[in-house]
Each structure stands twice: as C-alpha cells, then as structure tokens.
Amino acid sequence: MNDENTPHYERGPSGAKTWRTCKGCVAKIEHEQEKGNLPEKAEDTAYSQAGTLAHSYADKLMRGEITPEDQEGRMRKRAIPDEFWFFLRDYHKLGQTISNEVGGGDCEVFCEQQVPLFYKPDAVGTLDWGCVAEDGSEIVILDLKWGEGVWVDAFENDQQIIYAISLIRKLEAE
C-alpha cells in the first residue's frame, strides 16, 4: 500500500492529464496557494477514506490474502463488505484472467507496487496492479478507480502509461 509518509508529488501520475496538457497549471496553483487564494487541500475526507479502504481490500484480494470463497455464504462474516465486494469481484476476475493469459500464464504480478517515476526517479507512484510476462513481451496495468463523478478513460491514459514505463524501467534496472 501507499506509504503515508511519502509526500504527494505535484507532477504525479494521477494528475498527468492536467499537467501534460497545461504546462503552467502547476506553477499557477502553487502561486495561488502561496497568496492564500486557494483553500488547503483536505487531507482526509469520506471519499479518500473509502478509496483507501477499497484499495486495501483490492490489494488483499489480488494477493490471495482474501479469496472469493471468503465472500460466500449468507451466515459467514464476509472479509469484504458487500458495497466493496460488488465492484472488487470484477476487478479480481479481470486480474485473474489477465495473469492467466499474459505470457501464457508465465508472468510476474505486482500489487500496490511503488515504482520510481521514470521522469523523476526520486518520486514514486503506486501501481495498483500490474502483470509482466516473464520474457518481457507483454505488460498490463490495472488502475482501480473508486468514487463518483469523474469519468476516467483507459484509452491513452497518461497515468497508466507513466506506471507502465516506470515499471519497465524499474525491472530493467534490477
């Protein structure tokens, strides 16, 4: 999981679509924050707490610490609450399908993996889930989105491209 002591990088992968298309936005935001014209970022909201919890459940599910069988049975105490399980079961199924197909099933899987950002190696991003064929011929990245209101397209997604390149560079360096 994310190291809560790692500072958020203003040109991090999650904001890449903005800072890559509007070169002055980061400087403008910093300038307006210094002048006191923008409110302080809320460190912890109900939405961020739900997202953190969803990623924690997803990580345990993808690593096999929680299994789909743990969710079965009406009388059984479920490892993942229903409001999370409804979405996470498909995320898990997709990850399983991909890991069985990539490299013919001969692959390395990464869950909640911190990777140095290829464009700023002293900053890190957290890859939600990745799968790399052992022979290096394929890489698939999944990014769990939790919340409402903002549609995120997977096609030509800057955040996922950054994670893929960063993971490749990390693996090449090892």
Protein backbone atom coordinates (compact mmCIF):
# COMPACT_ATOMS: atom_id res chain seq x y z
CA MET A 1 0.00 0.00 0.00
CA ASN A 2 0.97 3.60 -0.28
CA ASP A 3 3.46 4.84 2.24
CA GLU A 4 1.59 7.62 4.01
CA ASN A 5 4.92 9.31 4.73
CA THR A 6 5.67 9.71 1.02
CA PRO A 7 4.80 13.27 0.00
CA HIS A 8 2.42 13.82 -2.90
CA TYR A 9 4.32 14.93 -5.99
CA GLU A 10 2.65 17.82 -7.84
CA ARG A 11 3.50 16.24 -11.19
CA GLY A 12 2.41 12.79 -10.13
CA PRO A 13 0.75 10.25 -12.41
CA SER A 14 -2.81 10.88 -11.18
CA GLY A 15 -2.68 14.49 -12.39
CA ALA A 16 -0.70 13.81 -15.56
CA LYS A 17 -3.54 14.59 -17.94
CA THR A 18 -3.71 18.10 -16.48
CA TRP A 19 -0.02 18.96 -16.14
CA ARG A 20 0.91 17.42 -19.50
CA THR A 21 -1.72 19.42 -21.39
CA CYS A 22 -1.44 22.69 -19.44
CA LYS A 23 2.21 23.47 -18.81
CA GLY A 24 1.55 26.40 -16.46
CA CYS A 25 -1.10 24.82 -14.24
CA VAL A 26 1.23 23.55 -11.51
CA ALA A 27 3.03 26.90 -11.20
CA LYS A 28 -0.29 28.77 -11.19
CA ILE A 29 -1.74 26.56 -8.48
CA GLU A 30 1.40 26.93 -6.35
CA HIS A 31 1.32 30.71 -6.85
CA GLU A 32 -2.34 30.97 -5.85
CA GLN A 33 -1.77 28.72 -2.80
CA GLU A 34 1.12 30.94 -1.66
CA LYS A 35 -1.13 34.00 -1.95
CA GLY A 36 -3.83 32.24 0.08
CA ASN A 37 -6.34 32.30 -2.77
CA LEU A 38 -6.91 28.54 -2.72
CA PRO A 39 -8.11 26.50 0.22
CA GLU A 40 -5.78 24.00 1.83
CA LYS A 41 -6.22 20.50 0.48
CA ALA A 42 -8.34 18.33 2.72
CA GLU A 43 -6.05 15.60 3.98
CA ASP A 44 -8.77 13.13 4.80
CA THR A 45 -12.33 13.01 3.52
CA ALA A 46 -15.01 10.33 3.49
CA TYR A 47 -14.18 9.82 -0.21
CA SER A 48 -10.45 9.42 0.36
CA GLN A 49 -11.10 7.06 3.27
CA ALA A 50 -13.38 4.91 1.10
CA GLY A 51 -10.81 4.90 -1.69
CA THR A 52 -8.04 3.87 0.69
CA LEU A 53 -10.19 1.10 2.11
CA ALA A 54 -11.17 -0.10 -1.39
CA HIS A 55 -7.50 -0.26 -2.41
CA SER A 56 -6.65 -2.14 0.78
CA TYR A 57 -9.35 -4.74 0.11
CA ALA A 58 -8.33 -4.96 -3.55
CA ASP A 59 -4.68 -5.49 -2.60
CA LYS A 60 -5.55 -8.34 -0.22
CA LEU A 61 -7.87 -9.89 -2.80
CA MET A 62 -5.34 -9.67 -5.64
CA ARG A 63 -2.59 -11.14 -3.43
CA GLY A 64 -4.84 -14.02 -2.36
CA GLU A 65 -5.00 -12.97 1.30
CA ILE A 66 -8.76 -12.80 0.82
CA THR A 67 -10.39 -15.21 -1.63
CA PRO A 68 -13.74 -15.08 -3.41
CA GLU A 69 -14.68 -18.10 -1.32
CA ASP A 70 -14.30 -15.92 1.79
CA GLN A 71 -17.27 -13.95 0.49
CA GLU A 72 -19.63 -16.90 0.01
CA GLY A 73 -22.37 -17.99 2.41
CA ARG A 74 -25.09 -15.94 3.99
CA MET A 75 -24.21 -16.73 7.57
CA ARG A 76 -20.48 -16.25 7.13
CA LYS A 77 -18.86 -13.00 8.17
CA ARG A 78 -17.55 -11.55 4.94
CA ALA A 79 -13.98 -10.36 4.62
CA ILE A 80 -15.02 -7.53 2.29
CA PRO A 81 -18.26 -5.59 2.88
CA ASP A 82 -20.87 -6.01 0.14
CA GLU A 83 -20.64 -2.38 -1.04
CA PHE A 84 -16.98 -3.00 -1.89
CA TRP A 85 -17.31 -6.63 -2.99
CA PHE A 86 -19.87 -5.74 -5.68
CA PHE A 87 -17.14 -3.87 -7.60
CA LEU A 88 -13.99 -5.62 -6.45
CA ARG A 89 -15.06 -9.09 -7.57
CA ASP A 90 -14.94 -7.99 -11.21
CA TYR A 91 -11.59 -6.27 -10.65
CA HIS A 92 -10.30 -9.55 -9.21
CA LYS A 93 -11.75 -11.62 -12.07
CA LEU A 94 -10.13 -9.31 -14.61
CA GLY A 95 -6.76 -9.54 -12.87
CA GLN A 96 -7.02 -13.34 -12.74
CA THR A 97 -7.94 -13.56 -16.42
CA ILE A 98 -5.08 -11.28 -17.43
CA SER A 99 -2.49 -13.08 -15.30
CA ASN A 100 -3.56 -16.40 -16.85
CA GLU A 101 -3.15 -15.01 -20.38
CA VAL A 102 -0.10 -12.74 -20.23
CA GLY A 103 2.99 -14.69 -21.23
CA GLY A 104 0.84 -17.80 -21.45
CA GLY A 105 0.39 -17.58 -17.69
CA ASP A 106 4.14 -17.23 -17.15
CA CYS A 107 4.19 -13.75 -15.65
CA GLU A 108 5.07 -11.70 -12.61
CA VAL A 109 2.22 -9.89 -10.85
CA PHE A 110 2.64 -6.65 -8.89
CA CYS A 111 0.07 -5.38 -6.37
CA GLU A 112 0.21 -1.90 -4.84
CA GLN A 113 3.81 -1.63 -6.03
CA GLN A 114 5.68 1.62 -5.56
CA VAL A 115 7.72 2.46 -8.63
CA PRO A 116 10.17 5.32 -9.15
CA LEU A 117 8.68 7.65 -11.76
CA PHE A 118 10.72 7.40 -14.94
CA TYR A 119 10.73 11.19 -15.38
CA LYS A 120 11.60 11.92 -11.72
CA PRO A 121 13.26 8.87 -10.11
CA ASP A 122 13.32 10.42 -6.62
CA ALA A 123 9.49 10.49 -6.66
CA VAL A 124 7.34 7.38 -6.60
CA GLY A 125 3.91 6.39 -7.76
CA THR A 126 1.90 3.42 -6.58
CA LEU A 127 0.88 1.00 -9.28
CA ASP A 128 -2.41 -0.64 -8.26
CA TRP A 129 -1.85 -3.86 -10.21
CA GLY A 130 0.47 -4.92 -12.99
CA CYS A 131 1.38 -8.08 -14.81
CA VAL A 132 4.56 -8.56 -16.84
CA ALA A 133 5.32 -11.59 -18.99
CA GLU A 134 8.49 -13.34 -17.79
CA ASP A 135 10.04 -12.87 -21.24
CA GLY A 136 9.18 -9.13 -21.11
CA SER A 137 6.98 -9.28 -24.21
CA GLU A 138 3.77 -8.05 -22.52
CA ILE A 139 2.77 -5.70 -19.74
CA VAL A 140 -0.73 -4.96 -18.48
CA ILE A 141 -1.59 -2.30 -15.91
CA LEU A 142 -4.86 -2.04 -13.97
CA ASP A 143 -5.72 1.09 -12.03
CA LEU A 144 -8.57 0.77 -9.56
CA LYS A 145 -10.79 3.84 -9.68
CA TRP A 146 -13.04 4.32 -6.70
CA GLY A 147 -15.51 7.15 -6.44
CA GLU A 148 -18.07 9.04 -8.42
CA GLY A 149 -18.39 11.94 -10.76
CA VAL A 150 -15.31 11.92 -12.99
CA TRP A 151 -15.08 9.51 -15.91
CA VAL A 152 -11.58 8.14 -16.48
CA ASP A 153 -10.88 6.59 -19.86
CA ALA A 154 -8.37 3.75 -20.03
CA PHE A 155 -7.53 4.53 -23.67
CA GLU A 156 -4.32 6.59 -23.93
CA ASN A 157 -4.47 7.13 -20.17
CA ASP A 158 -1.45 9.21 -19.10
CA GLN A 159 -1.42 7.80 -15.58
CA GLN A 160 -1.31 4.19 -16.74
CA ILE A 161 1.30 4.98 -19.39
CA ILE A 162 3.51 6.53 -16.70
CA TYR A 163 3.11 3.49 -14.46
CA ALA A 164 3.87 1.09 -17.34
CA ILE A 165 7.04 2.94 -18.38
CA SER A 166 8.10 3.36 -14.75
CA LEU A 167 7.60 -0.35 -14.02
CA ILE A 168 9.54 -1.32 -17.15
CA ARG A 169 12.43 0.95 -16.16
CA LYS A 170 12.38 -0.43 -12.60
CA LEU A 171 12.55 -4.00 -13.90
CA GLU A 172 15.31 -3.14 -16.37
CA ALA A 173 17.38 -1.66 -13.54
CA GLU A 174 17.08 -4.78 -11.35
